[in-house]
Amino acid sequence: MAGVRFFYRFIPLRFSPKADKYVGMIISVENRSEEPKLLSADVVIKTPGQVGLDPSAVHKKGIKKIGRLNPGERKEVMVKIYALPTAQPGDYDIELYLNEHYLDYDKILARWKKEATLRVID
C-alpha cells in the first residue's frame, strides 16, 4: 500500500443503541514510507437501516481528515457511528476508504479500501 498501513477497530465491539449513544470506529494509520503523506478517510455505511454518521442516522457517508503524517508517524482518529433506539439488530456493512492526497484535500493520489461489519444488538 505504498508505505501506508491502516486498520480499524470498534469501541465497544458490539453496539446496543438502547444502552450506548454511539460506537467509535477508531482508524489507525501509519506512514511507513520515506516521505510525508496527506491523508483522509471516507466511511460509507452500506446496509440500509437506522444506523448513520449523525444522531438522527440520516447521513450514511462521511469524511474524516487525518492530516499530514511524517515518515514513521502514526495517528488515530475516531468516527462516531450512531443508531436510533429502534434500529434492527444484525450486521451492518461498512466500507472504509483511505485516501492519499496531493497538495490539498481536493486531489486524490491513491485510494485503498477495507470492509468492516458492525454488529448491532438489542
PDB file of N, CA and C in Angstrom:
ATOM      1  N   MET A   1       0.817  -1.204   0.000  1.00  0.00           N
ATOM      2  CA  MET A   1       0.000   0.000   0.000  1.00  0.00           C
ATOM      3  C   MET A   1       0.851   1.254   0.000  1.00  0.00           C
ATOM      4  N   ALA A   2       1.893   1.261  -0.749  1.00  0.00           N
ATOM      5  CA  ALA A   2       2.722   2.444  -0.948  1.00  0.00           C
ATOM      6  C   ALA A   2       3.228   3.028   0.364  1.00  0.00           C
ATOM      7  N   GLY A   3       3.572   2.173   1.310  1.00  0.00           N
ATOM      8  CA  GLY A   3       4.159   2.648   2.551  1.00  0.00           C
ATOM      9  C   GLY A   3       3.174   3.131   3.592  1.00  0.00           C
ATOM     10  N   VAL A   4       1.895   2.917   3.371  1.00  0.00           N
ATOM     11  CA  VAL A   4       0.884   3.324   4.343  1.00  0.00           C
ATOM     12  C   VAL A   4       0.189   2.075   4.863  1.00  0.00           C
ATOM     13  N   ARG A   5       0.081   1.982   6.175  1.00  0.00           N
ATOM     14  CA  ARG A   5      -0.607   0.861   6.814  1.00  0.00           C
ATOM     15  C   ARG A   5      -1.780   1.432   7.587  1.00  0.00           C
ATOM     16  N   PHE A   6      -2.972   0.822   7.434  1.00  0.00           N
ATOM     17  CA  PHE A   6      -4.112   1.280   8.217  1.00  0.00           C
ATOM     18  C   PHE A   6      -4.999   0.121   8.618  1.00  0.00           C
ATOM     19  N   PHE A   7      -5.630   0.288   9.761  1.00  0.00           N
ATOM     20  CA  PHE A   7      -6.574  -0.704  10.254  1.00  0.00           C
ATOM     21  C   PHE A   7      -7.594   0.007  11.132  1.00  0.00           C
ATOM     22  N   TYR A   8      -8.615  -0.708  11.546  1.00  0.00           N
ATOM     23  CA  TYR A   8      -9.699  -0.113  12.326  1.00  0.00           C
ATOM     24  C   TYR A   8     -10.077  -1.045  13.474  1.00  0.00           C
ATOM     25  N   ARG A   9     -10.807  -0.487  14.429  1.00  0.00           N
ATOM     26  CA  ARG A   9     -11.420  -1.277  15.493  1.00  0.00           C
ATOM     27  C   ARG A   9     -12.629  -0.507  16.013  1.00  0.00           C
ATOM     28  N   PHE A  10     -13.560  -1.226  16.594  1.00  0.00           N
ATOM     29  CA  PHE A  10     -14.751  -0.612  17.165  1.00  0.00           C
ATOM     30  C   PHE A  10     -14.649  -0.606  18.683  1.00  0.00           C
ATOM     31  N   ILE A  11     -15.104   0.480  19.296  1.00  0.00           N
ATOM     32  CA  ILE A  11     -15.205   0.556  20.750  1.00  0.00           C
ATOM     33  C   ILE A  11     -16.595   1.070  21.074  1.00  0.00           C
ATOM     34  N   PRO A  12     -17.469   0.306  21.680  1.00  0.00           N
ATOM     35  CA  PRO A  12     -17.385  -1.113  22.044  1.00  0.00           C
ATOM     36  C   PRO A  12     -17.498  -2.018  20.820  1.00  0.00           C
ATOM     37  N   LEU A  13     -17.178  -3.299  21.001  1.00  0.00           N
ATOM     38  CA  LEU A  13     -17.188  -4.236  19.878  1.00  0.00           C
ATOM     39  C   LEU A  13     -18.584  -4.449  19.317  1.00  0.00           C
ATOM     40  N   ARG A  14     -19.574  -4.503  20.188  1.00  0.00           N
ATOM     41  CA  ARG A  14     -20.972  -4.645  19.766  1.00  0.00           C
ATOM     42  C   ARG A  14     -21.705  -3.391  20.190  1.00  0.00           C
ATOM     43  N   PHE A  15     -22.682  -3.010  19.410  1.00  0.00           N
ATOM     44  CA  PHE A  15     -23.381  -1.749  19.613  1.00  0.00           C
ATOM     45  C   PHE A  15     -24.820  -2.004  20.020  1.00  0.00           C
ATOM     46  N   SER A  16     -25.183  -1.515  21.183  1.00  0.00           N
ATOM     47  CA  SER A  16     -26.557  -1.600  21.649  1.00  0.00           C
ATOM     48  C   SER A  16     -27.136  -0.186  21.667  1.00  0.00           C
ATOM     49  N   PRO A  17     -27.948   0.185  20.693  1.00  0.00           N
ATOM     50  CA  PRO A  17     -28.470   1.550  20.613  1.00  0.00           C
ATOM     51  C   PRO A  17     -29.299   1.972  21.825  1.00  0.00           C
ATOM     52  N   LYS A  18     -29.876   0.992  22.526  1.00  0.00           N
ATOM     53  CA  LYS A  18     -30.666   1.329  23.708  1.00  0.00           C
ATOM     54  C   LYS A  18     -29.784   1.680  24.895  1.00  0.00           C
ATOM     55  N   ALA A  19     -28.559   1.171  24.923  1.00  0.00           N
ATOM     56  CA  ALA A  19     -27.663   1.416  26.046  1.00  0.00           C
ATOM     57  C   ALA A  19     -26.544   2.407  25.713  1.00  0.00           C
ATOM     58  N   ASP A  20     -26.070   2.410  24.470  1.00  0.00           N
ATOM     59  CA  ASP A  20     -24.944   3.257  24.071  1.00  0.00           C
ATOM     60  C   ASP A  20     -25.431   4.392  23.182  1.00  0.00           C
ATOM     61  N   LYS A  21     -24.805   5.557  23.342  1.00  0.00           N
ATOM     62  CA  LYS A  21     -25.168   6.700  22.495  1.00  0.00           C
ATOM     63  C   LYS A  21     -24.605   6.531  21.084  1.00  0.00           C
ATOM     64  N   TYR A  22     -23.376   6.029  20.990  1.00  0.00           N
ATOM     65  CA  TYR A  22     -22.716   5.800  19.705  1.00  0.00           C
ATOM     66  C   TYR A  22     -21.629   4.755  19.890  1.00  0.00           C
ATOM     67  N   VAL A  23     -21.120   4.265  18.782  1.00  0.00           N
ATOM     68  CA  VAL A  23     -19.953   3.394  18.794  1.00  0.00           C
ATOM     69  C   VAL A  23     -18.844   4.141  18.061  1.00  0.00           C
ATOM     70  N   GLY A  24     -17.624   4.033  18.557  1.00  0.00           N
ATOM     71  CA  GLY A  24     -16.496   4.699  17.923  1.00  0.00           C
ATOM     72  C   GLY A  24     -15.745   3.756  17.005  1.00  0.00           C
ATOM     73  N   MET A  25     -15.569   4.170  15.761  1.00  0.00           N
ATOM     74  CA  MET A  25     -14.724   3.427  14.825  1.00  0.00           C
ATOM     75  C   MET A  25     -13.360   4.121  14.844  1.00  0.00           C
ATOM     76  N   ILE A  26     -12.392   3.470  15.460  1.00  0.00           N
ATOM     77  CA  ILE A  26     -11.047   4.023  15.586  1.00  0.00           C
ATOM     78  C   ILE A  26     -10.250   3.597  14.363  1.00  0.00           C
ATOM     79  N   ILE A  27      -9.754   4.575  13.616  1.00  0.00           N
ATOM     80  CA  ILE A  27      -8.953   4.312  12.418  1.00  0.00           C
ATOM     81  C   ILE A  27      -7.501   4.659  12.750  1.00  0.00           C
ATOM     82  N   SER A  28      -6.621   3.668  12.663  1.00  0.00           N
ATOM     83  CA  SER A  28      -5.190   3.851  12.924  1.00  0.00           C
ATOM     84  C   SER A  28      -4.442   3.847  11.600  1.00  0.00           C
ATOM     85  N   VAL A  29      -3.599   4.852  11.403  1.00  0.00           N
ATOM     86  CA  VAL A  29      -2.840   4.991  10.161  1.00  0.00           C
ATOM     87  C   VAL A  29      -1.368   5.180  10.512  1.00  0.00           C
ATOM     88  N   GLU A  30      -0.506   4.471   9.787  1.00  0.00           N
ATOM     89  CA  GLU A  30       0.936   4.589   9.995  1.00  0.00           C
ATOM     90  C   GLU A  30       1.614   4.842   8.656  1.00  0.00           C
ATOM     91  N   ASN A  31       2.495   5.852   8.622  1.00  0.00           N
ATOM     92  CA  ASN A  31       3.257   6.172   7.416  1.00  0.00           C
ATOM     93  C   ASN A  31       4.590   5.432   7.479  1.00  0.00           C
ATOM     94  N   ARG A  32       4.730   4.394   6.668  1.00  0.00           N
ATOM     95  CA  ARG A  32       5.970   3.608   6.636  1.00  0.00           C
ATOM     96  C   ARG A  32       6.880   4.003   5.482  1.00  0.00           C
ATOM     97  N   SER A  33       6.550   5.063   4.792  1.00  0.00           N
ATOM     98  CA  SER A  33       7.360   5.488   3.655  1.00  0.00           C
ATOM     99  C   SER A  33       8.410   6.504   4.113  1.00  0.00           C
ATOM    100  N   GLU A  34       9.175   7.001   3.158  1.00  0.00           N
ATOM    101  CA  GLU A  34      10.234   7.968   3.437  1.00  0.00           C
ATOM    102  C   GLU A  34       9.806   9.404   3.179  1.00  0.00           C
ATOM    103  N   GLU A  35       8.532   9.607   2.851  1.00  0.00           N
ATOM    104  CA  GLU A  35       8.057  10.958   2.541  1.00  0.00           C
ATOM    105  C   GLU A  35       6.758  11.238   3.291  1.00  0.00           C
ATOM    106  N   PRO A  36       6.458  12.508   3.582  1.00  0.00           N
ATOM    107  CA  PRO A  36       5.207  12.833   4.265  1.00  0.00           C
ATOM    108  C   PRO A  36       3.994  12.536   3.383  1.00  0.00           C
ATOM    109  N   LYS A  37       2.873  12.232   4.024  1.00  0.00           N
ATOM    110  CA  LYS A  37       1.637  11.912   3.305  1.00  0.00           C
ATOM    111  C   LYS A  37       0.495  12.731   3.896  1.00  0.00           C
ATOM    112  N   LEU A  38      -0.383  13.214   3.018  1.00  0.00           N
ATOM    113  CA  LEU A  38      -1.605  13.902   3.424  1.00  0.00           C
ATOM    114  C   LEU A  38      -2.750  12.911   3.238  1.00  0.00           C
ATOM    115  N   LEU A  39      -3.460  12.587   4.328  1.00  0.00           N
ATOM    116  CA  LEU A  39      -4.425  11.501   4.296  1.00  0.00           C
ATOM    117  C   LEU A  39      -5.799  11.921   4.804  1.00  0.00           C
ATOM    118  N   SER A  40      -6.810  11.212   4.307  1.00  0.00           N
ATOM    119  CA  SER A  40      -8.172  11.334   4.823  1.00  0.00           C
ATOM    120  C   SER A  40      -8.833   9.972   4.736  1.00  0.00           C
ATOM    121  N   ALA A  41      -9.945   9.819   5.459  1.00  0.00           N
ATOM    122  CA  ALA A  41     -10.686   8.560   5.444  1.00  0.00           C
ATOM    123  C   ALA A  41     -12.139   8.836   5.089  1.00  0.00           C
ATOM    124  N   ASP A  42     -12.698   7.982   4.238  1.00  0.00           N
ATOM    125  CA  ASP A  42     -14.123   8.021   3.904  1.00  0.00           C
ATOM    126  C   ASP A  42     -14.779   6.802   4.535  1.00  0.00           C
ATOM    127  N   VAL A  43     -15.912   7.016   5.190  1.00  0.00           N
ATOM    128  CA  VAL A  43     -16.672   5.930   5.794  1.00  0.00           C
ATOM    129  C   VAL A  43     -18.042   5.904   5.125  1.00  0.00           C
ATOM    130  N   VAL A  44     -18.437   4.719   4.644  1.00  0.00           N
ATOM    131  CA  VAL A  44     -19.720   4.559   3.956  1.00  0.00           C
ATOM    132  C   VAL A  44     -20.459   3.388   4.596  1.00  0.00           C
ATOM    133  N   ILE A  45     -21.660   3.653   5.123  1.00  0.00           N
ATOM    134  CA  ILE A  45     -22.499   2.588   5.679  1.00  0.00           C
ATOM    135  C   ILE A  45     -23.349   2.046   4.539  1.00  0.00           C
ATOM    136  N   LYS A  46     -23.125   0.789   4.174  1.00  0.00           N
ATOM    137  CA  LYS A  46     -23.763   0.190   3.005  1.00  0.00           C
ATOM    138  C   LYS A  46     -25.116  -0.440   3.318  1.00  0.00           C
ATOM    139  N   THR A  47     -25.287  -0.996   4.499  1.00  0.00           N
ATOM    140  CA  THR A  47     -26.529  -1.677   4.844  1.00  0.00           C
ATOM    141  C   THR A  47     -27.609  -0.650   5.168  1.00  0.00           C
ATOM    142  N   PRO A  48     -28.760  -0.725   4.509  1.00  0.00           N
ATOM    143  CA  PRO A  48     -29.826   0.221   4.836  1.00  0.00           C
ATOM    144  C   PRO A  48     -30.376  -0.057   6.236  1.00  0.00           C
ATOM    145  N   GLY A  49     -30.804   0.998   6.882  1.00  0.00           N
ATOM    146  CA  GLY A  49     -31.360   0.855   8.225  1.00  0.00           C
ATOM    147  C   GLY A  49     -31.201   2.138   9.008  1.00  0.00           C
ATOM    148  N   GLN A  50     -31.419   2.050  10.278  1.00  0.00           N
ATOM    149  CA  GLN A  50     -31.400   3.217  11.149  1.00  0.00           C
ATOM    150  C   GLN A  50     -30.052   3.384  11.837  1.00  0.00           C
ATOM    151  N   VAL A  51     -28.994   3.230  11.069  1.00  0.00           N
ATOM    152  CA  VAL A  51     -27.620   3.438  11.525  1.00  0.00           C
ATOM    153  C   VAL A  51     -26.999   4.470  10.611  1.00  0.00           C
ATOM    154  N   GLY A  52     -26.324   5.466  11.201  1.00  0.00           N
ATOM    155  CA  GLY A  52     -25.729   6.518  10.390  1.00  0.00           C
ATOM    156  C   GLY A  52     -24.597   7.225  11.097  1.00  0.00           C
ATOM    157  N   LEU A  53     -24.099   8.270  10.468  1.00  0.00           N
ATOM    158  CA  LEU A  53     -22.949   9.011  10.982  1.00  0.00           C
ATOM    159  C   LEU A  53     -23.352  10.294  11.713  1.00  0.00           C
ATOM    160  N   ASP A  54     -24.636  10.449  11.993  1.00  0.00           N
ATOM    161  CA  ASP A  54     -25.140  11.571  12.776  1.00  0.00           C
ATOM    162  C   ASP A  54     -26.199  11.038  13.739  1.00  0.00           C
ATOM    163  N   PRO A  55     -26.543  11.783  14.789  1.00  0.00           N
ATOM    164  CA  PRO A  55     -27.500  11.266  15.783  1.00  0.00           C
ATOM    165  C   PRO A  55     -28.871  10.896  15.215  1.00  0.00           C
ATOM    166  N   SER A  56     -29.281  11.497  14.107  1.00  0.00           N
ATOM    167  CA  SER A  56     -30.568  11.135  13.509  1.00  0.00           C
ATOM    168  C   SER A  56     -30.436   9.966  12.525  1.00  0.00           C
ATOM    169  N   ALA A  57     -29.219   9.455  12.317  1.00  0.00           N
ATOM    170  CA  ALA A  57     -28.918   8.295  11.462  1.00  0.00           C
ATOM    171  C   ALA A  57     -29.334   8.513  10.010  1.00  0.00           C
ATOM    172  N   VAL A  58     -29.281   9.757   9.544  1.00  0.00           N
ATOM    173  CA  VAL A  58     -29.646  10.069   8.160  1.00  0.00           C
ATOM    174  C   VAL A  58     -28.438   9.953   7.234  1.00  0.00           C
ATOM    175  N   HIS A  59     -27.305  10.504   7.649  1.00  0.00           N
ATOM    176  CA  HIS A  59     -26.108  10.517   6.793  1.00  0.00           C
ATOM    177  C   HIS A  59     -25.409   9.166   6.839  1.00  0.00           C
ATOM    178  N   LYS A  60     -25.177   8.598   5.663  1.00  0.00           N
ATOM    179  CA  LYS A  60     -24.549   7.280   5.539  1.00  0.00           C
ATOM    180  C   LYS A  60     -23.106   7.373   5.037  1.00  0.00           C
ATOM    181  N   LYS A  61     -22.665   8.572   4.646  1.00  0.00           N
ATOM    182  CA  LYS A  61     -21.299   8.777   4.162  1.00  0.00           C
ATOM    183  C   LYS A  61     -20.669   9.926   4.938  1.00  0.00           C
ATOM    184  N   GLY A  62     -19.374   9.781   5.225  1.00  0.00           N
ATOM    185  CA  GLY A  62     -18.668  10.841   5.930  1.00  0.00           C
ATOM    186  C   GLY A  62     -17.189  10.822   5.606  1.00  0.00           C
ATOM    187  N   ILE A  63     -16.561  11.982   5.778  1.00  0.00           N
ATOM    188  CA  ILE A  63     -15.129  12.142   5.520  1.00  0.00           C
ATOM    189  C   ILE A  63     -14.460  12.609   6.806  1.00  0.00           C
ATOM    190  N   LYS A  64     -13.330  12.007   7.131  1.00  0.00           N
ATOM    191  CA  LYS A  64     -12.544  12.408   8.294  1.00  0.00           C
ATOM    192  C   LYS A  64     -11.149  12.767   7.800  1.00  0.00           C
ATOM    193  N   LYS A  65     -10.760  14.019   7.970  1.00  0.00           N
ATOM    194  CA  LYS A  65      -9.424  14.454   7.568  1.00  0.00           C
ATOM    195  C   LYS A  65      -8.426  14.024   8.637  1.00  0.00           C
ATOM    196  N   ILE A  66      -7.445  13.248   8.222  1.00  0.00           N
ATOM    197  CA  ILE A  66      -6.437  12.734   9.149  1.00  0.00           C
ATOM    198  C   ILE A  66      -5.285  13.713   9.271  1.00  0.00           C
ATOM    199  N   GLY A  67      -4.921  14.343   8.179  1.00  0.00           N
ATOM    200  CA  GLY A  67      -3.844  15.325   8.205  1.00  0.00           C
ATOM    201  C   GLY A  67      -2.565  14.783   7.602  1.00  0.00           C
ATOM    202  N   ARG A  68      -1.493  15.534   7.822  1.00  0.00           N
ATOM    203  CA  ARG A  68      -0.189  15.181   7.268  1.00  0.00           C
ATOM    204  C   ARG A  68       0.552  14.282   8.253  1.00  0.00           C
ATOM    205  N   LEU A  69       1.024  13.157   7.754  1.00  0.00           N
ATOM    206  CA  LEU A  69       1.821  12.230   8.551  1.00  0.00           C
ATOM    207  C   LEU A  69       3.246  12.226   8.029  1.00  0.00           C
ATOM    208  N   ASN A  70       4.189  12.470   8.900  1.00  0.00           N
ATOM    209  CA  ASN A  70       5.606  12.419   8.552  1.00  0.00           C
ATOM    210  C   ASN A  70       6.065  10.964   8.514  1.00  0.00           C
ATOM    211  N   PRO A  71       7.212  10.676   7.919  1.00  0.00           N
ATOM    212  CA  PRO A  71       7.714   9.305   7.866  1.00  0.00           C
ATOM    213  C   PRO A  71       7.823   8.692   9.263  1.00  0.00           C
ATOM    214  N   GLY A  72       7.284   7.486   9.411  1.00  0.00           N
ATOM    215  CA  GLY A  72       7.327   6.780  10.693  1.00  0.00           C
ATOM    216  C   GLY A  72       6.259   7.203  11.680  1.00  0.00           C
ATOM    217  N   GLU A  73       5.477   8.201  11.366  1.00  0.00           N
ATOM    218  CA  GLU A  73       4.464   8.706  12.290  1.00  0.00           C
ATOM    219  C   GLU A  73       3.201   7.858  12.220  1.00  0.00           C
ATOM    220  N   ARG A  74       2.513   7.773  13.358  1.00  0.00           N
ATOM    221  CA  ARG A  74       1.261   7.020  13.458  1.00  0.00           C
ATOM    222  C   ARG A  74       0.204   7.919  14.086  1.00  0.00           C
ATOM    223  N   LYS A  75      -1.025   7.803  13.593  1.00  0.00           N
ATOM    224  CA  LYS A  75      -2.106   8.651  14.095  1.00  0.00           C
ATOM    225  C   LYS A  75      -3.395   7.853  14.153  1.00  0.00           C
ATOM    226  N   GLU A  76      -4.234   8.175  15.138  1.00  0.00           N
ATOM    227  CA  GLU A  76      -5.543   7.557  15.269  1.00  0.00           C
ATOM    228  C   GLU A  76      -6.616   8.634  15.254  1.00  0.00           C
ATOM    229  N   VAL A  77      -7.701   8.365  14.543  1.00  0.00           N
ATOM    230  CA  VAL A  77      -8.859   9.251  14.528  1.00  0.00           C
ATOM    231  C   VAL A  77     -10.094   8.399  14.808  1.00  0.00           C
ATOM    232  N   MET A  78     -11.141   9.060  15.323  1.00  0.00           N
ATOM    233  CA  MET A  78     -12.359   8.329  15.637  1.00  0.00           C
ATOM    234  C   MET A  78     -13.531   8.877  14.832  1.00  0.00           C
ATOM    235  N   VAL A  79     -14.308   7.966  14.268  1.00  0.00           N
ATOM    236  CA  VAL A  79     -15.549   8.298  13.579  1.00  0.00           C
ATOM    237  C   VAL A  79     -16.681   7.740  14.437  1.00  0.00           C
ATOM    238  N   LYS A  80     -17.632   8.587  14.797  1.00  0.00           N
ATOM    239  CA  LYS A  80     -18.762   8.149  15.615  1.00  0.00           C
ATOM    240  C   LYS A  80     -19.872   7.623  14.714  1.00  0.00           C
ATOM    241  N   ILE A  81     -20.386   6.443  15.063  1.00  0.00           N
ATOM    242  CA  ILE A  81     -21.495   5.829  14.338  1.00  0.00           C
ATOM    243  C   ILE A  81     -22.670   5.733  15.302  1.00  0.00           C
ATOM    244  N   TYR A  82     -23.791   6.300  14.898  1.00  0.00           N
ATOM    245  CA  TYR A  82     -24.982   6.367  15.735  1.00  0.00           C
ATOM    246  C   TYR A  82     -26.049   5.411  15.214  1.00  0.00           C
ATOM    247  N   ALA A  83     -27.010   5.097  16.079  1.00  0.00           N
ATOM    248  CA  ALA A  83     -28.179   4.311  15.668  1.00  0.00           C
ATOM    249  C   ALA A  83     -29.375   4.782  16.487  1.00  0.00           C
ATOM    250  N   LEU A  84     -30.516   4.724  15.867  1.00  0.00           N
ATOM    251  CA  LEU A  84     -31.747   5.039  16.576  1.00  0.00           C
ATOM    252  C   LEU A  84     -32.085   3.882  17.511  1.00  0.00           C
ATOM    253  N   PRO A  85     -32.772   4.146  18.614  1.00  0.00           N
ATOM    254  CA  PRO A  85     -33.123   3.042  19.533  1.00  0.00           C
ATOM    255  C   PRO A  85     -33.966   1.954  18.872  1.00  0.00           C
ATOM    256  N   THR A  86     -34.619   2.280  17.774  1.00  0.00           N
ATOM    257  CA  THR A  86     -35.448   1.299  17.071  1.00  0.00           C
ATOM    258  C   THR A  86     -34.693   0.558  15.963  1.00  0.00           C
ATOM    259  N   ALA A  87     -33.376   0.718  15.889  1.00  0.00           N
ATOM    260  CA  ALA A  87     -32.580   0.046  14.858  1.00  0.00           C
ATOM    261  C   ALA A  87     -32.672  -1.466  15.018  1.00  0.00           C
ATOM    262  N   GLN A  88     -32.808  -2.149  13.904  1.00  0.00           N
ATOM    263  CA  GLN A  88     -32.925  -3.607  13.911  1.00  0.00           C
ATOM    264  C   GLN A  88     -31.581  -4.249  14.260  1.00  0.00           C
ATOM    265  N   PRO A  89     -31.570  -5.244  15.141  1.00  0.00           N
ATOM    266  CA  PRO A  89     -30.321  -5.967  15.433  1.00  0.00           C
ATOM    267  C   PRO A  89     -29.822  -6.685  14.181  1.00  0.00           C
ATOM    268  N   GLY A  90     -28.523  -6.817  14.078  1.00  0.00           N
ATOM    269  CA  GLY A  90     -27.930  -7.515  12.937  1.00  0.00           C
ATOM    270  C   GLY A  90     -26.583  -6.931  12.586  1.00  0.00           C
ATOM    271  N   ASP A  91     -26.051  -7.385  11.466  1.00  0.00           N
ATOM    272  CA  ASP A  91     -24.747  -6.932  10.988  1.00  0.00           C
ATOM    273  C   ASP A  91     -24.935  -5.831   9.952  1.00  0.00           C
ATOM    274  N   TYR A  92     -24.181  -4.759  10.109  1.00  0.00           N
ATOM    275  CA  TYR A  92     -24.225  -3.626   9.186  1.00  0.00           C
ATOM    276  C   TYR A  92     -22.866  -3.519   8.499  1.00  0.00           C
ATOM    277  N   ASP A  93     -22.886  -3.555   7.170  1.00  0.00           N
ATOM    278  CA  ASP A  93     -21.650  -3.499   6.380  1.00  0.00           C
ATOM    279  C   ASP A  93     -21.190  -2.059   6.225  1.00  0.00           C
ATOM    280  N   ILE A  94     -19.893  -1.845   6.417  1.00  0.00           N
ATOM    281  CA  ILE A  94     -19.285  -0.528   6.325  1.00  0.00           C
ATOM    282  C   ILE A  94     -18.059  -0.629   5.430  1.00  0.00           C
ATOM    283  N   GLU A  95     -17.919   0.335   4.526  1.00  0.00           N
ATOM    284  CA  GLU A  95     -16.719   0.423   3.690  1.00  0.00           C
ATOM    285  C   GLU A  95     -15.871   1.579   4.197  1.00  0.00           C
ATOM    286  N   LEU A  96     -14.590   1.312   4.359  1.00  0.00           N
ATOM    287  CA  LEU A  96     -13.633   2.307   4.831  1.00  0.00           C
ATOM    288  C   LEU A  96     -12.610   2.530   3.730  1.00  0.00           C
ATOM    289  N   TYR A  97     -12.485   3.775   3.279  1.00  0.00           N
ATOM    290  CA  TYR A  97     -11.519   4.142   2.245  1.00  0.00           C
ATOM    291  C   TYR A  97     -10.469   5.052   2.861  1.00  0.00           C
ATOM    292  N   LEU A  98      -9.206   4.776   2.598  1.00  0.00           N
ATOM    293  CA  LEU A  98      -8.119   5.667   2.988  1.00  0.00           C
ATOM    294  C   LEU A  98      -7.622   6.350   1.724  1.00  0.00           C
ATOM    295  N   ASN A  99      -7.603   7.669   1.738  1.00  0.00           N
ATOM    296  CA  ASN A  99      -7.197   8.459   0.576  1.00  0.00           C
ATOM    297  C   ASN A  99      -5.862   9.134   0.841  1.00  0.00           C
ATOM    298  N   GLU A 100      -4.943   9.019  -0.114  1.00  0.00           N
ATOM    299  CA  GLU A 100      -3.705   9.792  -0.084  1.00  0.00           C
ATOM    300  C   GLU A 100      -3.884  10.957  -1.051  1.00  0.00           C
ATOM    301  N   HIS A 101      -3.644  12.159  -0.556  1.00  0.00           N
ATOM    302  CA  HIS A 101      -3.906  13.357  -1.343  1.00  0.00           C
ATOM    303  C   HIS A 101      -2.607  13.986  -1.846  1.00  0.00           C
ATOM    304  N   TYR A 102      -2.760  14.771  -2.896  1.00  0.00           N
ATOM    305  CA  TYR A 102      -1.654  15.512  -3.477  1.00  0.00           C
ATOM    306  C   TYR A 102      -1.911  16.995  -3.250  1.00  0.00           C
ATOM    307  N   LEU A 103      -1.063  17.657  -2.511  1.00  0.00           N
ATOM    308  CA  LEU A 103      -1.093  19.089  -2.200  1.00  0.00           C
ATOM    309  C   LEU A 103      -2.241  19.505  -1.270  1.00  0.00           C
ATOM    310  N   ASP A 104      -3.477  19.170  -1.607  1.00  0.00           N
ATOM    311  CA  ASP A 104      -4.605  19.524  -0.737  1.00  0.00           C
ATOM    312  C   ASP A 104      -5.645  18.406  -0.802  1.00  0.00           C
ATOM    313  N   TYR A 105      -6.732  18.568  -0.059  1.00  0.00           N
ATOM    314  CA  TYR A 105      -7.734  17.503   0.024  1.00  0.00           C
ATOM    315  C   TYR A 105      -8.596  17.372  -1.234  1.00  0.00           C
ATOM    316  N   ASP A 106      -8.421  18.225  -2.230  1.00  0.00           N
ATOM    317  CA  ASP A 106      -9.210  18.148  -3.460  1.00  0.00           C
ATOM    318  C   ASP A 106      -8.675  17.117  -4.451  1.00  0.00           C
ATOM    319  N   LYS A 107      -7.402  16.775  -4.342  1.00  0.00           N
ATOM    320  CA  LYS A 107      -6.771  15.884  -5.318  1.00  0.00           C
ATOM    321  C   LYS A 107      -6.386  14.566  -4.654  1.00  0.00           C
ATOM    322  N   ILE A 108      -6.923  13.454  -5.151  1.00  0.00           N
ATOM    323  CA  ILE A 108      -6.610  12.139  -4.596  1.00  0.00           C
ATOM    324  C   ILE A 108      -5.535  11.484  -5.458  1.00  0.00           C
ATOM    325  N   LEU A 109      -4.454  11.092  -4.805  1.00  0.00           N
ATOM    326  CA  LEU A 109      -3.333  10.445  -5.476  1.00  0.00           C
ATOM    327  C   LEU A 109      -3.512   8.918  -5.495  1.00  0.00           C
ATOM    328  N   ALA A 110      -3.946   8.360  -4.366  1.00  0.00           N
ATOM    329  CA  ALA A 110      -4.161   6.912  -4.260  1.00  0.00           C
ATOM    330  C   ALA A 110      -5.294   6.668  -3.269  1.00  0.00           C
ATOM    331  N   ARG A 111      -5.932   5.488  -3.412  1.00  0.00           N
ATOM    332  CA  ARG A 111      -7.065   5.160  -2.548  1.00  0.00           C
ATOM    333  C   ARG A 111      -7.035   3.664  -2.240  1.00  0.00           C
ATOM    334  N   TRP A 112      -7.266   3.316  -0.955  1.00  0.00           N
ATOM    335  CA  TRP A 112      -7.323   1.931  -0.526  1.00  0.00           C
ATOM    336  C   TRP A 112      -8.628   1.683   0.204  1.00  0.00           C
ATOM    337  N   LYS A 113      -9.108   0.447   0.161  1.00  0.00           N
ATOM    338  CA  LYS A 113     -10.414   0.113   0.721  1.00  0.00           C
ATOM    339  C   LYS A 113     -10.320  -1.073   1.670  1.00  0.00           C
ATOM    340  N   LYS A 114     -11.086  -0.989   2.770  1.00  0.00           N
ATOM    341  CA  LYS A 114     -11.286  -2.118   3.680  1.00  0.00           C
ATOM    342  C   LYS A 114     -12.772  -2.211   3.965  1.00  0.00           C
ATOM    343  N   GLU A 115     -13.224  -3.414   4.248  1.00  0.00           N
ATOM    344  CA  GLU A 115     -14.621  -3.622   4.588  1.00  0.00           C
ATOM    345  C   GLU A 115     -14.722  -4.034   6.043  1.00  0.00           C
ATOM    346  N   ALA A 116     -15.755  -3.518   6.707  1.00  0.00           N
ATOM    347  CA  ALA A 116     -15.966  -3.792   8.117  1.00  0.00           C
ATOM    348  C   ALA A 116     -17.415  -4.206   8.332  1.00  0.00           C
ATOM    349  N   THR A 117     -17.670  -4.860   9.448  1.00  0.00           N
ATOM    350  CA  THR A 117     -19.024  -5.241   9.833  1.00  0.00           C
ATOM    351  C   THR A 117     -19.249  -4.809  11.272  1.00  0.00           C
ATOM    352  N   LEU A 118     -20.300  -4.038  11.476  1.00  0.00           N
ATOM    353  CA  LEU A 118     -20.688  -3.584  12.815  1.00  0.00           C
ATOM    354  C   LEU A 118     -21.883  -4.411  13.260  1.00  0.00           C
ATOM    355  N   ARG A 119     -21.768  -5.025  14.421  1.00  0.00           N
ATOM    356  CA  ARG A 119     -22.875  -5.827  14.945  1.00  0.00           C
ATOM    357  C   ARG A 119     -23.710  -4.975  15.887  1.00  0.00           C
ATOM    358  N   VAL A 120     -24.998  -4.853  15.568  1.00  0.00           N
ATOM    359  CA  VAL A 120     -25.956  -4.141  16.408  1.00  0.00           C
ATOM    360  C   VAL A 120     -26.781  -5.188  17.157  1.00  0.00           C
ATOM    361  N   ILE A 121     -26.851  -5.016  18.486  1.00  0.00           N
ATOM    362  CA  ILE A 121     -27.583  -5.975  19.324  1.00  0.00           C
ATOM    363  C   ILE A 121     -28.700  -5.255  20.062  1.00  0.00           C
ATOM    364  N   ASP A 122     -29.612  -6.036  20.641  1.00  0.00           N
ATOM    365  CA  ASP A 122     -30.702  -5.464  21.444  1.00  0.00           C
ATOM    366  C   ASP A 122     -30.213  -4.992  22.791  1.00  0.00           C
TER     367      ASP A 122
END
